[in-house]
Amino acid sequence: MILGRWLSAGCQLLLIDEPTRGIDVASKADIYALVDELARQGVAILMVSSELPEVLRLSDRILVMREGHLVGELARAEASEERILALATGAQTHAKDPAVA
C-alpha cells in the first residue's frame, strides 16, 4: 500500500482524496481507524470526500466549498449532512465565520 510508505517516512501532513472510494466495508473501518490514530499522533490530515457520513465521522473541522469558493466552516459538533448540503447548494448562505461567506 502506497500509504504505508508515506507514513513510514514520518510525514506530518497527509492529504487524502476520497480515501475509501471503491473499497469494502471492512477496509473502510481499517482506514478510519488509521486516520483516527494518525490524528491522535499529531499528524495534520486534509481530506476531500464526497461521502458525507465519512466527512462527519473523520473530521474535526469541515470546510464547505461551492463553485470554487469557501462558503462555510463547521466544527464537528455543529455539522450535519443537512447543514453541509445547505451550504454546498446555497440554501444557507452564512458560514460560521462571516468573512468566509
Protein backbone atom coordinates (compact mmCIF):
# COMPACT_ATOMS: atom_id res chain seq x y z
CA MET A 1 0.00 0.00 0.00
CA ILE A 2 1.42 3.37 -1.01
CA LEU A 3 0.04 4.99 2.13
CA GLY A 4 2.29 2.80 4.25
CA ARG A 5 5.41 4.09 2.52
CA TRP A 6 4.46 7.72 3.15
CA LEU A 7 3.63 7.01 6.78
CA SER A 8 6.94 5.22 7.35
CA ALA A 9 8.68 8.36 6.06
CA GLY A 10 7.32 10.24 9.08
CA CYS A 11 5.18 12.77 7.24
CA GLN A 12 3.40 15.34 9.41
CA LEU A 13 0.77 16.31 6.83
CA LEU A 14 -1.37 13.80 4.98
CA LEU A 15 -3.56 14.83 2.03
CA ILE A 16 -6.18 12.20 1.23
CA ASP A 17 -8.73 12.37 -1.57
CA GLU A 18 -11.74 10.02 -1.45
CA PRO A 19 -9.85 7.63 0.86
CA THR A 20 -12.47 4.88 0.83
CA ARG A 21 -13.87 5.06 -2.69
CA GLY A 22 -14.38 1.60 -4.14
CA ILE A 23 -13.33 -0.46 -1.13
CA ASP A 24 -15.23 -2.90 1.08
CA VAL A 25 -16.73 -2.10 4.47
CA ALA A 26 -14.01 -3.88 6.47
CA SER A 27 -11.28 -1.93 4.67
CA LYS A 28 -13.17 1.31 5.32
CA ALA A 29 -13.13 0.56 9.03
CA ASP A 30 -9.37 -0.06 8.87
CA ILE A 31 -8.79 3.26 7.09
CA TYR A 32 -10.99 5.12 9.57
CA ALA A 33 -9.02 3.60 12.48
CA LEU A 34 -5.73 4.55 10.82
CA VAL A 35 -6.83 8.15 10.21
CA ASP A 36 -8.04 8.44 13.81
CA GLU A 37 -4.73 7.10 15.13
CA LEU A 38 -2.66 9.40 12.93
CA ALA A 39 -4.67 12.40 14.13
CA ARG A 40 -4.11 11.34 17.75
CA GLN A 41 -0.37 11.22 16.99
CA GLY A 42 -0.48 14.82 15.77
CA VAL A 43 -0.44 14.25 12.01
CA ALA A 44 -2.37 17.00 10.20
CA ILE A 45 -4.86 15.45 7.79
CA LEU A 46 -6.59 17.23 4.93
CA MET A 47 -9.30 15.01 3.49
CA VAL A 48 -11.52 15.52 0.48
CA SER A 49 -14.57 13.26 0.31
CA SER A 50 -17.95 13.30 -1.35
CA GLU A 51 -19.28 10.82 1.23
CA LEU A 52 -20.91 12.95 3.91
CA PRO A 53 -21.04 10.19 6.57
CA GLU A 54 -17.29 9.78 6.09
CA VAL A 55 -16.71 13.52 6.39
CA LEU A 56 -18.78 13.66 9.58
CA ARG A 57 -17.04 10.59 11.01
CA LEU A 58 -13.44 11.68 10.41
CA SER A 59 -13.40 15.47 10.56
CA ASP A 60 -12.77 17.86 13.42
CA ARG A 61 -13.49 20.80 11.13
CA ILE A 62 -15.38 20.82 7.84
CA LEU A 63 -14.86 23.42 5.14
CA VAL A 64 -17.61 23.61 2.52
CA MET A 65 -16.99 24.92 -0.98
CA ARG A 66 -19.46 25.97 -3.68
CA GLU A 67 -18.47 26.98 -7.21
CA GLY A 68 -14.81 27.18 -6.23
CA HIS A 69 -15.37 29.42 -3.19
CA LEU A 70 -15.25 28.66 0.51
CA VAL A 71 -18.78 29.18 1.82
CA GLY A 72 -18.70 27.65 5.27
CA GLU A 73 -16.72 26.25 8.14
CA LEU A 74 -18.33 23.89 10.62
CA ALA A 75 -16.98 22.27 13.76
CA ARG A 76 -17.77 18.57 14.17
CA ALA A 77 -20.27 19.34 16.94
CA GLU A 78 -22.33 21.69 14.76
CA ALA A 79 -22.07 19.77 11.50
CA SER A 80 -24.77 17.61 9.96
CA GLU A 81 -25.45 16.30 6.48
CA GLU A 82 -28.29 18.80 6.18
CA ARG A 83 -26.11 21.75 7.17
CA ILE A 84 -23.29 20.75 4.82
CA LEU A 85 -25.71 20.29 1.92
CA ALA A 86 -27.41 23.63 2.65
CA LEU A 87 -24.06 25.41 2.42
CA ALA A 88 -22.96 23.45 -0.66
CA THR A 89 -26.18 24.19 -2.55
CA GLY A 90 -26.62 27.80 -1.48
CA ALA A 91 -29.74 27.14 0.61
CA GLN A 92 -27.79 28.50 3.59
CA THR A 93 -25.61 31.45 2.73
CA HIS A 94 -23.91 32.28 6.00
CA ALA A 95 -21.00 30.43 7.47
CA LYS A 96 -19.56 30.25 10.97
CA ASP A 97 -17.10 32.99 10.07
CA PRO A 98 -18.88 35.84 8.22
CA ALA A 99 -15.63 36.68 6.44
CA VAL A 100 -15.76 33.24 4.78
CA ALA A 101 -19.25 33.60 3.29
